[in-house]
């Protein structure tokens, strides 16, 4: 689309920006639907890093 030899066949910069904004909104909606992205874990805080550190110390 943007690589057309004839300039009249190429989209204008504002059209390109609009296309990218629409695509960006769609991708953002997909990300926000992912529970890992929005942190929706029913209020439960999971901190596995301290468990890993204590396991390493226990084995030393």
PDB file of N, CA and C in Angstrom:
ATOM      1  N   UNK A   1       0.820  -1.180   0.000  1.00  0.00           N
ATOM      2  CA  UNK A   1       0.000   0.000   0.000  1.00  0.00           C
ATOM      3  C   UNK A   1       0.874   1.257   0.000  1.00  0.00           C
ATOM      4  N   UNK A   2       1.791   1.377   0.959  1.00  0.00           N
ATOM      5  CA  UNK A   2       2.633   2.570   1.039  1.00  0.00           C
ATOM      6  C   UNK A   2       3.803   2.514   0.064  1.00  0.00           C
ATOM      7  N   UNK A   3       4.027   1.356  -0.560  1.00  0.00           N
ATOM      8  CA  UNK A   3       5.173   1.194  -1.445  1.00  0.00           C
ATOM      9  C   UNK A   3       4.798   1.347  -2.918  1.00  0.00           C
ATOM     10  N   UNK A   4       3.636   1.882  -3.190  1.00  0.00           N
ATOM     11  CA  UNK A   4       3.206   2.084  -4.574  1.00  0.00           C
ATOM     12  C   UNK A   4       4.124   3.096  -5.261  1.00  0.00           C
ATOM     13  N   UNK A   5       4.464   2.838  -6.516  1.00  0.00           N
ATOM     14  CA  UNK A   5       5.322   3.757  -7.271  1.00  0.00           C
ATOM     15  C   UNK A   5       4.625   5.089  -7.532  1.00  0.00           C
ATOM     16  N   UNK A   6       3.349   5.032  -7.806  1.00  0.00           N
ATOM     17  CA  UNK A   6       2.604   6.251  -8.116  1.00  0.00           C
ATOM     18  C   UNK A   6       2.089   6.871  -6.818  1.00  0.00           C
ATOM     19  N   UNK A   7       2.452   8.113  -6.589  1.00  0.00           N
ATOM     20  CA  UNK A   7       2.118   8.764  -5.322  1.00  0.00           C
ATOM     21  C   UNK A   7       0.619   8.852  -5.067  1.00  0.00           C
ATOM     22  N   UNK A   8      -0.178   8.973  -6.134  1.00  0.00           N
ATOM     23  CA  UNK A   8      -1.633   9.076  -5.929  1.00  0.00           C
ATOM     24  C   UNK A   8      -2.241   7.766  -5.420  1.00  0.00           C
ATOM     25  N   UNK A   9      -1.508   6.661  -5.555  1.00  0.00           N
ATOM     26  CA  UNK A   9      -1.989   5.372  -5.049  1.00  0.00           C
ATOM     27  C   UNK A   9      -1.574   5.139  -3.595  1.00  0.00           C
ATOM     28  N   UNK A  10      -0.651   5.974  -3.094  1.00  0.00           N
ATOM     29  CA  UNK A  10      -0.200   5.840  -1.712  1.00  0.00           C
ATOM     30  C   UNK A  10      -1.115   6.637  -0.791  1.00  0.00           C
ATOM     31  N   UNK A  11      -1.323   6.153   0.427  1.00  0.00           N
ATOM     32  CA  UNK A  11      -2.148   6.913   1.372  1.00  0.00           C
ATOM     33  C   UNK A  11      -1.406   8.165   1.841  1.00  0.00           C
ATOM     34  N   UNK A  12      -2.172   9.154   2.239  1.00  0.00           N
ATOM     35  CA  UNK A  12      -1.554  10.358   2.794  1.00  0.00           C
ATOM     36  C   UNK A  12      -1.025  10.035   4.190  1.00  0.00           C
ATOM     37  N   UNK A  13      -0.192  10.912   4.707  1.00  0.00           N
ATOM     38  CA  UNK A  13       0.362  10.686   6.039  1.00  0.00           C
ATOM     39  C   UNK A  13      -0.744  10.652   7.088  1.00  0.00           C
ATOM     40  N   UNK A  14      -1.739  11.496   6.964  1.00  0.00           N
ATOM     41  CA  UNK A  14      -2.839  11.483   7.937  1.00  0.00           C
ATOM     42  C   UNK A  14      -3.628  10.171   7.859  1.00  0.00           C
ATOM     43  N   UNK A  15      -3.765   9.605   6.661  1.00  0.00           N
ATOM     44  CA  UNK A  15      -4.434   8.308   6.521  1.00  0.00           C
ATOM     45  C   UNK A  15      -3.613   7.197   7.180  1.00  0.00           C
ATOM     46  N   UNK A  16      -2.298   7.271   7.018  1.00  0.00           N
ATOM     47  CA  UNK A  16      -1.413   6.280   7.637  1.00  0.00           C
ATOM     48  C   UNK A  16      -1.515   6.375   9.159  1.00  0.00           C
ATOM     49  N   UNK A  17      -1.491   7.599   9.676  1.00  0.00           N
ATOM     50  CA  UNK A  17      -1.604   7.796  11.124  1.00  0.00           C
ATOM     51  C   UNK A  17      -2.930   7.241  11.631  1.00  0.00           C
ATOM     52  N   UNK A  18      -4.007   7.498  10.908  1.00  0.00           N
ATOM     53  CA  UNK A  18      -5.322   6.991  11.301  1.00  0.00           C
ATOM     54  C   UNK A  18      -5.332   5.462  11.323  1.00  0.00           C
ATOM     55  N   UNK A  19      -4.736   4.836  10.300  1.00  0.00           N
ATOM     56  CA  UNK A  19      -4.671   3.373  10.253  1.00  0.00           C
ATOM     57  C   UNK A  19      -3.892   2.826  11.447  1.00  0.00           C
ATOM     58  N   UNK A  20      -2.776   3.470  11.766  1.00  0.00           N
ATOM     59  CA  UNK A  20      -1.961   3.012  12.882  1.00  0.00           C
ATOM     60  C   UNK A  20      -2.678   3.188  14.211  1.00  0.00           C
ATOM     61  N   UNK A  21      -3.419   4.271  14.356  1.00  0.00           N
ATOM     62  CA  UNK A  21      -4.158   4.510  15.595  1.00  0.00           C
ATOM     63  C   UNK A  21      -5.245   3.458  15.791  1.00  0.00           C
ATOM     64  N   UNK A  22      -5.939   3.118  14.719  1.00  0.00           N
ATOM     65  CA  UNK A  22      -6.985   2.089  14.795  1.00  0.00           C
ATOM     66  C   UNK A  22      -6.367   0.751  15.165  1.00  0.00           C
ATOM     67  N   UNK A  23      -5.262   0.411  14.506  1.00  0.00           N
ATOM     68  CA  UNK A  23      -4.585  -0.855  14.796  1.00  0.00           C
ATOM     69  C   UNK A  23      -4.077  -0.871  16.233  1.00  0.00           C
ATOM     70  N   UNK A  24      -3.553   0.264  16.679  1.00  0.00           N
ATOM     71  CA  UNK A  24      -3.046   0.363  18.041  1.00  0.00           C
ATOM     72  C   UNK A  24      -4.165   0.177  19.063  1.00  0.00           C
ATOM     73  N   UNK A  25      -5.329   0.765  18.816  1.00  0.00           N
ATOM     74  CA  UNK A  25      -6.469   0.618  19.728  1.00  0.00           C
ATOM     75  C   UNK A  25      -6.916  -0.836  19.801  1.00  0.00           C
ATOM     76  N   UNK A  26      -6.912  -1.521  18.655  1.00  0.00           N
ATOM     77  CA  UNK A  26      -7.310  -2.933  18.629  1.00  0.00           C
ATOM     78  C   UNK A  26      -6.336  -3.784  19.438  1.00  0.00           C
ATOM     79  N   UNK A  27      -5.043  -3.543  19.249  1.00  0.00           N
ATOM     80  CA  UNK A  27      -4.034  -4.308  19.979  1.00  0.00           C
ATOM     81  C   UNK A  27      -4.108  -4.007  21.476  1.00  0.00           C
ATOM     82  N   UNK A  28      -4.353  -2.746  21.833  1.00  0.00           N
ATOM     83  CA  UNK A  28      -4.459  -2.379  23.238  1.00  0.00           C
ATOM     84  C   UNK A  28      -5.663  -3.060  23.881  1.00  0.00           C
ATOM     85  N   UNK A  29      -6.764  -3.136  23.153  1.00  0.00           N
ATOM     86  CA  UNK A  29      -7.958  -3.810  23.670  1.00  0.00           C
ATOM     87  C   UNK A  29      -7.670  -5.286  23.922  1.00  0.00           C
ATOM     88  N   UNK A  30      -6.901  -5.906  23.029  1.00  0.00           N
ATOM     89  CA  UNK A  30      -6.537  -7.312  23.215  1.00  0.00           C
ATOM     90  C   UNK A  30      -5.659  -7.478  24.452  1.00  0.00           C
ATOM     91  N   UNK A  31      -4.708  -6.567  24.628  1.00  0.00           N
ATOM     92  CA  UNK A  31      -3.838  -6.634  25.798  1.00  0.00           C
ATOM     93  C   UNK A  31      -4.626  -6.440  27.086  1.00  0.00           C
ATOM     94  N   UNK A  32      -5.516  -5.459  27.089  1.00  0.00           N
ATOM     95  CA  UNK A  32      -6.288  -5.167  28.292  1.00  0.00           C
ATOM     96  C   UNK A  32      -7.218  -6.318  28.665  1.00  0.00           C
ATOM     97  N   UNK A  33      -7.604  -7.127  27.691  1.00  0.00           N
ATOM     98  CA  UNK A  33      -8.462  -8.280  27.963  1.00  0.00           C
ATOM     99  C   UNK A  33      -7.681  -9.413  28.629  1.00  0.00           C
ATOM    100  N   UNK A  34      -6.369  -9.380  28.527  1.00  0.00           N
ATOM    101  CA  UNK A  34      -5.521 -10.414  29.104  1.00  0.00           C
ATOM    102  C   UNK A  34      -5.391 -10.182  30.610  1.00  0.00           C
ATOM    103  N   UNK A  35      -5.713 -11.174  31.438  1.00  0.00           N
ATOM    104  CA  UNK A  35      -5.639 -10.996  32.891  1.00  0.00           C
ATOM    105  C   UNK A  35      -4.232 -10.669  33.392  1.00  0.00           C
ATOM    106  N   UNK A  36      -3.208 -11.094  32.685  1.00  0.00           N
ATOM    107  CA  UNK A  36      -1.844 -10.759  33.095  1.00  0.00           C
ATOM    108  C   UNK A  36      -1.564  -9.273  32.936  1.00  0.00           C
ATOM    109  N   UNK A  37      -2.185  -8.657  31.945  1.00  0.00           N
ATOM    110  CA  UNK A  37      -1.962  -7.241  31.679  1.00  0.00           C
ATOM    111  C   UNK A  37      -2.657  -6.367  32.704  1.00  0.00           C
ATOM    112  N   UNK A  38      -3.908  -6.673  33.004  1.00  0.00           N
ATOM    113  CA  UNK A  38      -4.672  -5.782  33.869  1.00  0.00           C
ATOM    114  C   UNK A  38      -4.520  -6.104  35.345  1.00  0.00           C
ATOM    115  N   UNK A  39      -3.786  -7.147  35.663  1.00  0.00           N
ATOM    116  CA  UNK A  39      -3.538  -7.463  37.059  1.00  0.00           C
ATOM    117  C   UNK A  39      -4.767  -7.945  37.799  1.00  0.00           C
ATOM    118  N   UNK A  40      -5.768  -8.401  37.079  1.00  0.00           N
ATOM    119  CA  UNK A  40      -6.993  -8.861  37.718  1.00  0.00           C
ATOM    120  C   UNK A  40      -6.788 -10.274  38.252  1.00  0.00           C
ATOM    121  N   UNK A  41      -6.288 -10.358  39.471  1.00  0.00           N
ATOM    122  CA  UNK A  41      -6.082 -11.666  40.088  1.00  0.00           C
ATOM    123  C   UNK A  41      -6.889 -11.759  41.375  1.00  0.00           C
ATOM    124  N   UNK A  42      -8.052 -11.149  41.381  1.00  0.00           N
ATOM    125  CA  UNK A  42      -8.978 -11.180  42.517  1.00  0.00           C
ATOM    126  C   UNK A  42      -8.363 -10.613  43.789  1.00  0.00           C
ATOM    127  N   UNK A  43      -7.495  -9.621  43.648  1.00  0.00           N
ATOM    128  CA  UNK A  43      -6.906  -8.963  44.801  1.00  0.00           C
ATOM    129  C   UNK A  43      -5.784  -9.734  45.458  1.00  0.00           C
ATOM    130  N   UNK A  44      -5.480 -10.901  44.950  1.00  0.00           N
ATOM    131  CA  UNK A  44      -4.433 -11.728  45.530  1.00  0.00           C
ATOM    132  C   UNK A  44      -3.076 -11.237  45.057  1.00  0.00           C
ATOM    133  N   UNK A  45      -2.185 -11.007  45.986  1.00  0.00           N
ATOM    134  CA  UNK A  45      -0.838 -10.567  45.643  1.00  0.00           C
ATOM    135  C   UNK A  45       0.059 -11.788  45.639  1.00  0.00           C
ATOM    136  N   UNK A  46       0.700 -11.992  44.511  1.00  0.00           N
ATOM    137  CA  UNK A  46       1.583 -13.148  44.372  1.00  0.00           C
ATOM    138  C   UNK A  46       3.008 -12.638  44.270  1.00  0.00           C
ATOM    139  N   UNK A  47       3.828 -13.007  45.216  1.00  0.00           N
ATOM    140  CA  UNK A  47       5.222 -12.582  45.211  1.00  0.00           C
ATOM    141  C   UNK A  47       6.093 -13.830  45.246  1.00  0.00           C
ATOM    142  N   UNK A  48       6.388 -14.343  44.084  1.00  0.00           N
ATOM    143  CA  UNK A  48       7.182 -15.563  43.986  1.00  0.00           C
ATOM    144  C   UNK A  48       8.664 -15.275  44.138  1.00  0.00           C
ATOM    145  N   UNK A  49       9.081 -14.022  43.948  1.00  0.00           N
ATOM    146  CA  UNK A  49      10.502 -13.706  43.974  1.00  0.00           C
ATOM    147  C   UNK A  49      11.116 -14.015  45.333  1.00  0.00           C
ATOM    148  N   UNK A  50      10.414 -13.731  46.435  1.00  0.00           N
ATOM    149  CA  UNK A  50      10.979 -14.007  47.756  1.00  0.00           C
ATOM    150  C   UNK A  50      11.108 -15.508  47.987  1.00  0.00           C
ATOM    151  N   UNK A  51      10.186 -16.295  47.446  1.00  0.00           N
ATOM    152  CA  UNK A  51      10.272 -17.744  47.581  1.00  0.00           C
ATOM    153  C   UNK A  51      11.495 -18.281  46.854  1.00  0.00           C
ATOM    154  N   UNK A  52      11.761 -17.750  45.693  1.00  0.00           N
ATOM    155  CA  UNK A  52      12.914 -18.198  44.905  1.00  0.00           C
ATOM    156  C   UNK A  52      14.199 -17.859  45.635  1.00  0.00           C
ATOM    157  N   UNK A  53      14.286 -16.660  46.185  1.00  0.00           N
ATOM    158  CA  UNK A  53      15.488 -16.246  46.910  1.00  0.00           C
ATOM    159  C   UNK A  53      15.709 -17.150  48.118  1.00  0.00           C
ATOM    160  N   UNK A  54      14.649 -17.443  48.870  1.00  0.00           N
ATOM    161  CA  UNK A  54      14.816 -18.289  50.051  1.00  0.00           C
ATOM    162  C   UNK A  54      15.209 -19.713  49.653  1.00  0.00           C
ATOM    163  N   UNK A  55      14.712 -20.215  48.535  1.00  0.00           N
ATOM    164  CA  UNK A  55      15.093 -21.546  48.072  1.00  0.00           C
ATOM    165  C   UNK A  55      16.575 -21.591  47.736  1.00  0.00           C
ATOM    166  N   UNK A  56      17.077 -20.550  47.102  1.00  0.00           N
ATOM    167  CA  UNK A  56      18.491 -20.498  46.733  1.00  0.00           C
ATOM    168  C   UNK A  56      19.345 -20.462  47.992  1.00  0.00           C
ATOM    169  N   UNK A  57      18.946 -19.656  48.964  1.00  0.00           N
ATOM    170  CA  UNK A  57      19.709 -19.567  50.214  1.00  0.00           C
ATOM    171  C   UNK A  57      19.696 -20.899  50.964  1.00  0.00           C
ATOM    172  N   UNK A  58      18.581 -21.603  50.938  1.00  0.00           N
ATOM    173  CA  UNK A  58      18.475 -22.886  51.633  1.00  0.00           C
ATOM    174  C   UNK A  58      19.410 -23.935  51.035  1.00  0.00           C
ATOM    175  N   UNK A  59      19.660 -23.843  49.753  1.00  0.00           N
ATOM    176  CA  UNK A  59      20.490 -24.841  49.079  1.00  0.00           C
ATOM    177  C   UNK A  59      21.977 -24.527  49.179  1.00  0.00           C
ATOM    178  N   UNK A  60      22.340 -23.376  49.667  1.00  0.00           N
ATOM    179  CA  UNK A  60      23.766 -23.004  49.722  1.00  0.00           C
ATOM    180  C   UNK A  60      24.435 -23.480  50.967  1.00  0.00           C
TER     181      UNK A  60
END
